[in-house]
Amino acid sequence: MKHRFVLYATVACACQASAALPPVYQNAKDLDVMVAFVQQHRVVMESLRTIDLQNKTVHFGADCTARFDRAPRASPRPGPAAALEFRDATCAVGPAAASRGN
């Protein structure tokens, strides 16, 4: 009986631990969100300086920063990270550009 419990507990822990994306895939998803933001805002695209993936920021203009973050998780259980979202910018970014039909 003890062996079954240990087996079930081990399987349950292994399943939960594998729910998060490896860093290479999470970074790729985050970078896609940040690049899409740059492409959607002309003023940002025209004056882009850097995309800082580690700090989740886009630097543009003379001294402007757009910050990104994740929504808090509703569940304390392990799982995939929430999508990266634009939070705020220190300068006006203007309206999002219309879809280019790509």
PDB file of N, CA and C in Angstrom:
ATOM      1  N   MET A   1       0.823  -1.195   0.000  1.00  0.00           N
ATOM      2  CA  MET A   1       0.000   0.000   0.000  1.00  0.00           C
ATOM      3  C   MET A   1       0.869   1.262   0.000  1.00  0.00           C
ATOM      4  N   LYS A   2       1.936   1.246   0.821  1.00  0.00           N
ATOM      5  CA  LYS A   2       2.831   2.394   0.860  1.00  0.00           C
ATOM      6  C   LYS A   2       3.468   2.636  -0.506  1.00  0.00           C
ATOM      7  N   HIS A   3       3.801   1.576  -1.188  1.00  0.00           N
ATOM      8  CA  HIS A   3       4.462   1.706  -2.487  1.00  0.00           C
ATOM      9  C   HIS A   3       3.547   2.362  -3.517  1.00  0.00           C
ATOM     10  N   ARG A   4       2.258   2.072  -3.470  1.00  0.00           N
ATOM     11  CA  ARG A   4       1.318   2.700  -4.392  1.00  0.00           C
ATOM     12  C   ARG A   4       1.240   4.202  -4.134  1.00  0.00           C
ATOM     13  N   PHE A   5       1.184   4.568  -2.870  1.00  0.00           N
ATOM     14  CA  PHE A   5       1.099   5.996  -2.531  1.00  0.00           C
ATOM     15  C   PHE A   5       2.337   6.740  -3.032  1.00  0.00           C
ATOM     16  N   VAL A   6       3.499   6.160  -2.822  1.00  0.00           N
ATOM     17  CA  VAL A   6       4.744   6.782  -3.275  1.00  0.00           C
ATOM     18  C   VAL A   6       4.748   6.891  -4.803  1.00  0.00           C
ATOM     19  N   LEU A   7       4.299   5.865  -5.478  1.00  0.00           N
ATOM     20  CA  LEU A   7       4.229   5.878  -6.933  1.00  0.00           C
ATOM     21  C   LEU A   7       3.277   6.983  -7.408  1.00  0.00           C
ATOM     22  N   TYR A   8       2.093   7.082  -6.832  1.00  0.00           N
ATOM     23  CA  TYR A   8       1.125   8.115  -7.215  1.00  0.00           C
ATOM     24  C   TYR A   8       1.668   9.514  -6.934  1.00  0.00           C
ATOM     25  N   ALA A   9       2.295   9.688  -5.797  1.00  0.00           N
ATOM     26  CA  ALA A   9       2.860  10.994  -5.443  1.00  0.00           C
ATOM     27  C   ALA A   9       3.978  11.384  -6.409  1.00  0.00           C
ATOM     28  N   THR A  10       4.810  10.448  -6.787  1.00  0.00           N
ATOM     29  CA  THR A  10       5.897  10.728  -7.716  1.00  0.00           C
ATOM     30  C   THR A  10       5.365  11.122  -9.086  1.00  0.00           C
ATOM     31  N   VAL A  11       4.382  10.399  -9.573  1.00  0.00           N
ATOM     32  CA  VAL A  11       3.792  10.699 -10.877  1.00  0.00           C
ATOM     33  C   VAL A  11       3.103  12.062 -10.840  1.00  0.00           C
ATOM     34  N   ALA A  12       2.387  12.366  -9.780  1.00  0.00           N
ATOM     35  CA  ALA A  12       1.694  13.645  -9.660  1.00  0.00           C
ATOM     36  C   ALA A  12       2.683  14.807  -9.655  1.00  0.00           C
ATOM     37  N   CYS A  13       3.775  14.676  -8.956  1.00  0.00           N
ATOM     38  CA  CYS A  13       4.787  15.743  -8.918  1.00  0.00           C
ATOM     39  C   CYS A  13       5.466  15.902 -10.265  1.00  0.00           C
ATOM     40  N   ALA A  14       5.739  14.824 -10.938  1.00  0.00           N
ATOM     41  CA  ALA A  14       6.410  14.894 -12.238  1.00  0.00           C
ATOM     42  C   ALA A  14       5.521  15.572 -13.268  1.00  0.00           C
ATOM     43  N   CYS A  15       4.229  15.323 -13.219  1.00  0.00           N
ATOM     44  CA  CYS A  15       3.308  15.937 -14.188  1.00  0.00           C
ATOM     45  C   CYS A  15       3.218  17.439 -13.975  1.00  0.00           C
ATOM     46  N   GLN A  16       3.167  17.883 -12.746  1.00  0.00           N
ATOM     47  CA  GLN A  16       3.052  19.310 -12.468  1.00  0.00           C
ATOM     48  C   GLN A  16       4.335  20.051 -12.811  1.00  0.00           C
ATOM     49  N   ALA A  17       5.473  19.448 -12.593  1.00  0.00           N
ATOM     50  CA  ALA A  17       6.744  20.123 -12.807  1.00  0.00           C
ATOM     51  C   ALA A  17       7.024  20.361 -14.292  1.00  0.00           C
ATOM     52  N   SER A  18       6.418  19.596 -15.174  1.00  0.00           N
ATOM     53  CA  SER A  18       6.703  19.739 -16.589  1.00  0.00           C
ATOM     54  C   SER A  18       5.751  20.715 -17.289  1.00  0.00           C
ATOM     55  N   ALA A  19       4.954  21.470 -16.554  1.00  0.00           N
ATOM     56  CA  ALA A  19       3.951  22.325 -17.166  1.00  0.00           C
ATOM     57  C   ALA A  19       4.524  23.628 -17.732  1.00  0.00           C
ATOM     58  N   ALA A  20       5.596  24.150 -17.194  1.00  0.00           N
ATOM     59  CA  ALA A  20       6.154  25.426 -17.650  1.00  0.00           C
ATOM     60  C   ALA A  20       6.986  25.216 -18.924  1.00  0.00           C
ATOM     61  N   LEU A  21       7.013  26.266 -19.758  1.00  0.00           N
ATOM     62  CA  LEU A  21       7.820  26.203 -20.977  1.00  0.00           C
ATOM     63  C   LEU A  21       9.300  26.348 -20.649  1.00  0.00           C
ATOM     64  N   PRO A  22      10.158  25.662 -21.380  1.00  0.00           N
ATOM     65  CA  PRO A  22      11.596  25.891 -21.202  1.00  0.00           C
ATOM     66  C   PRO A  22      11.920  27.347 -21.563  1.00  0.00           C
ATOM     67  N   PRO A  23      12.953  27.918 -20.971  1.00  0.00           N
ATOM     68  CA  PRO A  23      13.277  29.330 -21.199  1.00  0.00           C
ATOM     69  C   PRO A  23      13.415  29.724 -22.662  1.00  0.00           C
ATOM     70  N   VAL A  24      13.972  28.857 -23.493  1.00  0.00           N
ATOM     71  CA  VAL A  24      14.160  29.228 -24.895  1.00  0.00           C
ATOM     72  C   VAL A  24      12.815  29.511 -25.569  1.00  0.00           C
ATOM     73  N   TYR A  25      11.784  28.734 -25.262  1.00  0.00           N
ATOM     74  CA  TYR A  25      10.472  28.927 -25.874  1.00  0.00           C
ATOM     75  C   TYR A  25       9.737  30.117 -25.245  1.00  0.00           C
ATOM     76  N   GLN A  26       9.882  30.278 -23.936  1.00  0.00           N
ATOM     77  CA  GLN A  26       9.245  31.413 -23.277  1.00  0.00           C
ATOM     78  C   GLN A  26       9.863  32.719 -23.772  1.00  0.00           C
ATOM     79  N   ASN A  27      11.172  32.758 -23.921  1.00  0.00           N
ATOM     80  CA  ASN A  27      11.842  33.955 -24.438  1.00  0.00           C
ATOM     81  C   ASN A  27      11.382  34.273 -25.859  1.00  0.00           C
ATOM     82  N   ALA A  28      11.222  33.244 -26.683  1.00  0.00           N
ATOM     83  CA  ALA A  28      10.769  33.464 -28.060  1.00  0.00           C
ATOM     84  C   ALA A  28       9.363  34.058 -28.080  1.00  0.00           C
ATOM     85  N   LYS A  29       8.473  33.551 -27.225  1.00  0.00           N
ATOM     86  CA  LYS A  29       7.112  34.088 -27.159  1.00  0.00           C
ATOM     87  C   LYS A  29       7.131  35.533 -26.671  1.00  0.00           C
ATOM     88  N   ASP A  30       7.928  35.810 -25.649  1.00  0.00           N
ATOM     89  CA  ASP A  30       8.016  37.169 -25.104  1.00  0.00           C
ATOM     90  C   ASP A  30       8.572  38.140 -26.145  1.00  0.00           C
ATOM     91  N   LEU A  31       9.607  37.714 -26.861  1.00  0.00           N
ATOM     92  CA  LEU A  31      10.195  38.564 -27.888  1.00  0.00           C
ATOM     93  C   LEU A  31       9.190  38.851 -29.002  1.00  0.00           C
ATOM     94  N   ASP A  32       8.400  37.863 -29.377  1.00  0.00           N
ATOM     95  CA  ASP A  32       7.361  38.071 -30.396  1.00  0.00           C
ATOM     96  C   ASP A  32       6.378  39.156 -29.966  1.00  0.00           C
ATOM     97  N   VAL A  33       5.973  39.156 -28.709  1.00  0.00           N
ATOM     98  CA  VAL A  33       5.041  40.165 -28.194  1.00  0.00           C
ATOM     99  C   VAL A  33       5.675  41.551 -28.256  1.00  0.00           C
ATOM    100  N   MET A  34       6.925  41.650 -27.851  1.00  0.00           N
ATOM    101  CA  MET A  34       7.596  42.947 -27.830  1.00  0.00           C
ATOM    102  C   MET A  34       7.841  43.484 -29.243  1.00  0.00           C
ATOM    103  N   VAL A  35       8.224  42.615 -30.169  1.00  0.00           N
ATOM    104  CA  VAL A  35       8.444  43.036 -31.554  1.00  0.00           C
ATOM    105  C   VAL A  35       7.123  43.452 -32.192  1.00  0.00           C
ATOM    106  N   ALA A  36       6.048  42.737 -31.916  1.00  0.00           N
ATOM    107  CA  ALA A  36       4.730  43.116 -32.445  1.00  0.00           C
ATOM    108  C   ALA A  36       4.333  44.499 -31.944  1.00  0.00           C
ATOM    109  N   PHE A  37       4.617  44.793 -30.687  1.00  0.00           N
ATOM    110  CA  PHE A  37       4.324  46.114 -30.131  1.00  0.00           C
ATOM    111  C   PHE A  37       5.092  47.186 -30.896  1.00  0.00           C
ATOM    112  N   VAL A  38       6.368  46.961 -31.124  1.00  0.00           N
ATOM    113  CA  VAL A  38       7.197  47.922 -31.856  1.00  0.00           C
ATOM    114  C   VAL A  38       6.622  48.142 -33.255  1.00  0.00           C
ATOM    115  N   GLN A  39       6.246  47.077 -33.923  1.00  0.00           N
ATOM    116  CA  GLN A  39       5.728  47.174 -35.284  1.00  0.00           C
ATOM    117  C   GLN A  39       4.370  47.889 -35.345  1.00  0.00           C
ATOM    118  N   GLN A  40       3.609  47.826 -34.273  1.00  0.00           N
ATOM    119  CA  GLN A  40       2.274  48.428 -34.251  1.00  0.00           C
ATOM    120  C   GLN A  40       2.297  49.915 -33.924  1.00  0.00           C
ATOM    121  N   HIS A  41       3.396  50.433 -33.431  1.00  0.00           N
ATOM    122  CA  HIS A  41       3.459  51.833 -33.019  1.00  0.00           C
ATOM    123  C   HIS A  41       4.565  52.547 -33.795  1.00  0.00           C
ATOM    124  N   ARG A  42       4.150  53.374 -34.716  1.00  0.00           N
ATOM    125  CA  ARG A  42       5.100  54.035 -35.633  1.00  0.00           C
ATOM    126  C   ARG A  42       6.170  54.835 -34.890  1.00  0.00           C
ATOM    127  N   VAL A  43       5.765  55.594 -33.882  1.00  0.00           N
ATOM    128  CA  VAL A  43       6.742  56.420 -33.157  1.00  0.00           C
ATOM    129  C   VAL A  43       7.806  55.547 -32.486  1.00  0.00           C
ATOM    130  N   VAL A  44       7.405  54.365 -32.035  1.00  0.00           N
ATOM    131  CA  VAL A  44       8.361  53.448 -31.409  1.00  0.00           C
ATOM    132  C   VAL A  44       9.287  52.869 -32.480  1.00  0.00           C
ATOM    133  N   MET A  45       8.720  52.453 -33.604  1.00  0.00           N
ATOM    134  CA  MET A  45       9.520  51.872 -34.682  1.00  0.00           C
ATOM    135  C   MET A  45      10.525  52.878 -35.232  1.00  0.00           C
ATOM    136  N   GLU A  46      10.108  54.129 -35.377  1.00  0.00           N
ATOM    137  CA  GLU A  46      10.998  55.151 -35.945  1.00  0.00           C
ATOM    138  C   GLU A  46      12.170  55.492 -35.033  1.00  0.00           C
ATOM    139  N   SER A  47      11.988  55.335 -33.730  1.00  0.00           N
ATOM    140  CA  SER A  47      13.037  55.757 -32.793  1.00  0.00           C
ATOM    141  C   SER A  47      13.532  54.618 -31.897  1.00  0.00           C
ATOM    142  N   LEU A  48      13.314  53.380 -32.321  1.00  0.00           N
ATOM    143  CA  LEU A  48      13.712  52.211 -31.528  1.00  0.00           C
ATOM    144  C   LEU A  48      15.210  52.226 -31.250  1.00  0.00           C
ATOM    145  N   ARG A  49      15.557  51.999 -29.986  1.00  0.00           N
ATOM    146  CA  ARG A  49      16.970  51.897 -29.595  1.00  0.00           C
ATOM    147  C   ARG A  49      17.312  50.474 -29.198  1.00  0.00           C
ATOM    148  N   THR A  50      16.586  49.898 -28.233  1.00  0.00           N
ATOM    149  CA  THR A  50      16.877  48.522 -27.802  1.00  0.00           C
ATOM    150  C   THR A  50      15.612  47.819 -27.346  1.00  0.00           C
ATOM    151  N   ILE A  51      15.672  46.494 -27.413  1.00  0.00           N
ATOM    152  CA  ILE A  51      14.661  45.630 -26.808  1.00  0.00           C
ATOM    153  C   ILE A  51      15.393  44.833 -25.744  1.00  0.00           C
ATOM    154  N   ASP A  52      15.010  45.024 -24.505  1.00  0.00           N
ATOM    155  CA  ASP A  52      15.658  44.368 -23.370  1.00  0.00           C
ATOM    156  C   ASP A  52      14.757  43.232 -22.891  1.00  0.00           C
ATOM    157  N   LEU A  53      15.053  42.020 -23.333  1.00  0.00           N
ATOM    158  CA  LEU A  53      14.214  40.868 -22.998  1.00  0.00           C
ATOM    159  C   LEU A  53      14.290  40.521 -21.518  1.00  0.00           C
ATOM    160  N   GLN A  54      15.450  40.657 -20.922  1.00  0.00           N
ATOM    161  CA  GLN A  54      15.606  40.307 -19.506  1.00  0.00           C
ATOM    162  C   GLN A  54      14.744  41.192 -18.611  1.00  0.00           C
ATOM    163  N   ASN A  55      14.733  42.510 -18.881  1.00  0.00           N
ATOM    164  CA  ASN A  55      13.952  43.435 -18.059  1.00  0.00           C
ATOM    165  C   ASN A  55      12.577  43.720 -18.639  1.00  0.00           C
ATOM    166  N   LYS A  56      12.261  43.087 -19.763  1.00  0.00           N
ATOM    167  CA  LYS A  56      10.966  43.226 -20.428  1.00  0.00           C
ATOM    168  C   LYS A  56      10.647  44.686 -20.731  1.00  0.00           C
ATOM    169  N   THR A  57      11.587  45.369 -21.369  1.00  0.00           N
ATOM    170  CA  THR A  57      11.409  46.773 -21.722  1.00  0.00           C
ATOM    171  C   THR A  57      11.856  47.020 -23.164  1.00  0.00           C
ATOM    172  N   VAL A  58      11.247  48.037 -23.767  1.00  0.00           N
ATOM    173  CA  VAL A  58      11.630  48.519 -25.091  1.00  0.00           C
ATOM    174  C   VAL A  58      12.056  49.962 -24.909  1.00  0.00           C
ATOM    175  N   HIS A  59      13.254  50.299 -25.354  1.00  0.00           N
ATOM    176  CA  HIS A  59      13.764  51.665 -25.245  1.00  0.00           C
ATOM    177  C   HIS A  59      13.655  52.332 -26.612  1.00  0.00           C
ATOM    178  N   PHE A  60      13.081  53.531 -26.625  1.00  0.00           N
ATOM    179  CA  PHE A  60      12.902  54.255 -27.877  1.00  0.00           C
ATOM    180  C   PHE A  60      12.949  55.748 -27.601  1.00  0.00           C
ATOM    181  N   GLY A  61      13.060  56.526 -28.656  1.00  0.00           N
ATOM    182  CA  GLY A  61      13.105  57.980 -28.490  1.00  0.00           C
ATOM    183  C   GLY A  61      14.339  58.407 -27.723  1.00  0.00           C
ATOM    184  N   ALA A  62      14.297  59.659 -27.235  1.00  0.00           N
ATOM    185  CA  ALA A  62      15.438  60.205 -26.505  1.00  0.00           C
ATOM    186  C   ALA A  62      15.676  59.469 -25.190  1.00  0.00           C
ATOM    187  N   ASP A  63      14.612  59.220 -24.438  1.00  0.00           N
ATOM    188  CA  ASP A  63      14.748  58.550 -23.137  1.00  0.00           C
ATOM    189  C   ASP A  63      13.422  57.910 -22.743  1.00  0.00           C
ATOM    190  N   CYS A  64      12.797  57.200 -23.671  1.00  0.00           N
ATOM    191  CA  CYS A  64      11.479  56.599 -23.433  1.00  0.00           C
ATOM    192  C   CYS A  64      11.597  55.096 -23.230  1.00  0.00           C
ATOM    193  N   THR A  65      10.721  54.577 -22.407  1.00  0.00           N
ATOM    194  CA  THR A  65      10.710  53.146 -22.114  1.00  0.00           C
ATOM    195  C   THR A  65       9.283  52.637 -22.116  1.00  0.00           C
ATOM    196  N   ALA A  66       9.058  51.525 -22.793  1.00  0.00           N
ATOM    197  CA  ALA A  66       7.784  50.812 -22.724  1.00  0.00           C
ATOM    198  C   ALA A  66       8.035  49.563 -21.887  1.00  0.00           C
ATOM    199  N   ARG A  67       7.182  49.333 -20.898  1.00  0.00           N
ATOM    200  CA  ARG A  67       7.364  48.195 -19.986  1.00  0.00           C
ATOM    201  C   ARG A  67       6.294  47.137 -20.227  1.00  0.00           C
ATOM    202  N   PHE A  68       6.715  45.906 -20.083  1.00  0.00           N
ATOM    203  CA  PHE A  68       5.832  44.756 -20.257  1.00  0.00           C
ATOM    204  C   PHE A  68       5.869  43.923 -18.986  1.00  0.00           C
ATOM    205  N   ASP A  69       4.789  43.190 -18.742  1.00  0.00           N
ATOM    206  CA  ASP A  69       4.711  42.345 -17.555  1.00  0.00           C
ATOM    207  C   ASP A  69       3.703  41.240 -17.816  1.00  0.00           C
ATOM    208  N   ARG A  70       3.605  40.314 -16.899  1.00  0.00           N
ATOM    209  CA  ARG A  70       2.617  39.237 -16.979  1.00  0.00           C
ATOM    210  C   ARG A  70       1.496  39.485 -15.977  1.00  0.00           C
ATOM    211  N   ALA A  71       0.314  39.070 -16.334  1.00  0.00           N
ATOM    212  CA  ALA A  71      -0.806  39.134 -15.396  1.00  0.00           C
ATOM    213  C   ALA A  71      -0.532  38.134 -14.276  1.00  0.00           C
ATOM    214  N   PRO A  72      -0.942  38.447 -13.059  1.00  0.00           N
ATOM    215  CA  PRO A  72      -0.725  37.493 -11.967  1.00  0.00           C
ATOM    216  C   PRO A  72      -1.497  36.199 -12.219  1.00  0.00           C
ATOM    217  N   ARG A  73      -0.909  35.111 -11.820  1.00  0.00           N
ATOM    218  CA  ARG A  73      -1.573  33.814 -11.987  1.00  0.00           C
ATOM    219  C   ARG A  73      -2.671  33.659 -10.948  1.00  0.00           C
ATOM    220  N   ALA A  74      -3.789  33.133 -11.381  1.00  0.00           N
ATOM    221  CA  ALA A  74      -4.923  32.914 -10.479  1.00  0.00           C
ATOM    222  C   ALA A  74      -4.700  31.696  -9.586  1.00  0.00           C
ATOM    223  N   SER A  75      -3.983  30.730 -10.106  1.00  0.00           N
ATOM    224  CA  SER A  75      -3.764  29.489  -9.368  1.00  0.00           C
ATOM    225  C   SER A  75      -2.330  29.424  -8.854  1.00  0.00           C
ATOM    226  N   PRO A  76      -2.144  28.945  -7.628  1.00  0.00           N
ATOM    227  CA  PRO A  76      -0.779  28.784  -7.119  1.00  0.00           C
ATOM    228  C   PRO A  76      -0.085  27.550  -7.699  1.00  0.00           C
ATOM    229  N   ARG A  77      -0.811  26.721  -8.417  1.00  0.00           N
ATOM    230  CA  ARG A  77      -0.224  25.511  -8.996  1.00  0.00           C
ATOM    231  C   ARG A  77       0.693  25.865 -10.159  1.00  0.00           C
ATOM    232  N   PRO A  78       1.694  25.046 -10.408  1.00  0.00           N
ATOM    233  CA  PRO A  78       2.591  25.290 -11.541  1.00  0.00           C
ATOM    234  C   PRO A  78       1.823  25.210 -12.858  1.00  0.00           C
ATOM    235  N   GLY A  79       2.301  25.924 -13.826  1.00  0.00           N
ATOM    236  CA  GLY A  79       1.681  25.902 -15.136  1.00  0.00           C
ATOM    237  C   GLY A  79       2.380  26.884 -16.044  1.00  0.00           C
ATOM    238  N   PRO A  80       1.912  26.989 -17.273  1.00  0.00           N
ATOM    239  CA  PRO A  80       2.555  27.911 -18.202  1.00  0.00           C
ATOM    240  C   PRO A  80       2.419  29.351 -17.726  1.00  0.00           C
ATOM    241  N   ALA A  81       3.407  30.147 -18.030  1.00  0.00           N
ATOM    242  CA  ALA A  81       3.372  31.563 -17.653  1.00  0.00           C
ATOM    243  C   ALA A  81       2.300  32.275 -18.465  1.00  0.00           C
ATOM    244  N   ALA A  82       1.712  33.286 -17.867  1.00  0.00           N
ATOM    245  CA  ALA A  82       0.743  34.112 -18.594  1.00  0.00           C
ATOM    246  C   ALA A  82       1.466  34.840 -19.712  1.00  0.00           C
ATOM    247  N   ALA A  83       0.706  35.226 -20.729  1.00  0.00           N
ATOM    248  CA  ALA A  83       1.301  35.948 -21.856  1.00  0.00           C
ATOM    249  C   ALA A  83       1.840  37.297 -21.393  1.00  0.00           C
ATOM    250  N   LEU A  84       2.905  37.727 -22.030  1.00  0.00           N
ATOM    251  CA  LEU A  84       3.482  39.037 -21.745  1.00  0.00           C
ATOM    252  C   LEU A  84       2.530  40.101 -22.291  1.00  0.00           C
ATOM    253  N   GLU A  85       2.337  41.193 -21.532  1.00  0.00           N
ATOM    254  CA  GLU A  85       1.420  42.260 -21.931  1.00  0.00           C
ATOM    255  C   GLU A  85       2.087  43.609 -21.751  1.00  0.00           C
ATOM    256  N   PHE A  86       1.731  44.554 -22.619  1.00  0.00           N
ATOM    257  CA  PHE A  86       2.191  45.930 -22.479  1.00  0.00           C
ATOM    258  C   PHE A  86       1.565  46.505 -21.214  1.00  0.00           C
ATOM    259  N   ARG A  87       2.375  47.144 -20.362  1.00  0.00           N
ATOM    260  CA  ARG A  87       1.874  47.746 -19.124  1.00  0.00           C
ATOM    261  C   ARG A  87       1.787  49.263 -19.241  1.00  0.00           C
ATOM    262  N   ASP A  88       2.909  49.904 -19.540  1.00  0.00           N
ATOM    263  CA  ASP A  88       2.907  51.360 -19.631  1.00  0.00           C
ATOM    264  C   ASP A  88       4.155  51.839 -20.351  1.00  0.00           C
ATOM    265  N   ALA A  89       4.173  53.132 -20.652  1.00  0.00           N
ATOM    266  CA  ALA A  89       5.328  53.734 -21.301  1.00  0.00           C
ATOM    267  C   ALA A  89       5.581  55.093 -20.668  1.00  0.00           C
ATOM    268  N   THR A  90       6.830  55.502 -20.664  1.00  0.00           N
ATOM    269  CA  THR A  90       7.180  56.792 -20.083  1.00  0.00           C
ATOM    270  C   THR A  90       6.917  57.940 -21.053  1.00  0.00           C
ATOM    271  N   CYS A  91       6.661  57.623 -22.323  1.00  0.00           N
ATOM    272  CA  CYS A  91       6.329  58.616 -23.350  1.00  0.00           C
ATOM    273  C   CYS A  91       5.117  58.108 -24.130  1.00  0.00           C
ATOM    274  N   ALA A  92       4.441  59.011 -24.825  1.00  0.00           N
ATOM    275  CA  ALA A  92       3.305  58.605 -25.645  1.00  0.00           C
ATOM    276  C   ALA A  92       3.779  57.726 -26.791  1.00  0.00           C
ATOM    277  N   VAL A  93       3.053  56.650 -27.035  1.00  0.00           N
ATOM    278  CA  VAL A  93       3.396  55.755 -28.136  1.00  0.00           C
ATOM    279  C   VAL A  93       2.465  55.940 -29.322  1.00  0.00           C
ATOM    280  N   GLY A  94       1.397  56.665 -29.157  1.00  0.00           N
ATOM    281  CA  GLY A  94       0.448  56.886 -30.232  1.00  0.00           C
ATOM    282  C   GLY A  94      -0.466  55.700 -30.404  1.00  0.00           C
ATOM    283  N   PRO A  95      -1.436  55.824 -31.323  1.00  0.00           N
ATOM    284  CA  PRO A  95      -2.363  54.729 -31.552  1.00  0.00           C
ATOM    285  C   PRO A  95      -1.671  53.573 -32.259  1.00  0.00           C
ATOM    286  N   ALA A  96      -2.214  52.389 -32.073  1.00  0.00           N
ATOM    287  CA  ALA A  96      -1.669  51.222 -32.775  1.00  0.00           C
ATOM    288  C   ALA A  96      -1.962  51.355 -34.252  1.00  0.00           C
ATOM    289  N   ALA A  97      -1.018  50.959 -35.070  1.00  0.00           N
ATOM    290  CA  ALA A  97      -1.195  51.017 -36.528  1.00  0.00           C
ATOM    291  C   ALA A  97      -2.221  49.992 -36.953  1.00  0.00           C
ATOM    292  N   ALA A  98      -2.912  50.262 -38.031  1.00  0.00           N
ATOM    293  CA  ALA A  98      -3.891  49.311 -38.558  1.00  0.00           C
ATOM    294  C   ALA A  98      -3.184  48.047 -39.042  1.00  0.00           C
ATOM    295  N   SER A  99      -3.895  46.967 -39.043  1.00  0.00           N
ATOM    296  CA  SER A  99      -3.329  45.711 -39.514  1.00  0.00           C
ATOM    297  C   SER A  99      -2.858  45.857 -40.946  1.00  0.00           C
ATOM    298  N   ARG A 100      -1.694  45.302 -41.226  1.00  0.00           N
ATOM    299  CA  ARG A 100      -1.104  45.426 -42.551  1.00  0.00           C
ATOM    300  C   ARG A 100      -1.535  44.303 -43.489  1.00  0.00           C
ATOM    301  N   GLY A 101      -2.322  43.375 -42.979  1.00  0.00           N
ATOM    302  CA  GLY A 101      -2.789  42.278 -43.810  1.00  0.00           C
ATOM    303  C   GLY A 101      -1.744  41.213 -44.063  1.00  0.00           C
ATOM    304  N   ASN A 102      -0.726  41.147 -43.205  1.00  0.00           N
ATOM    305  CA  ASN A 102       0.321  40.120 -43.365  1.00  0.00           C
ATOM    306  C   ASN A 102      -0.141  38.807 -42.833  1.00  0.00           C
TER     307      ASN A 102
END
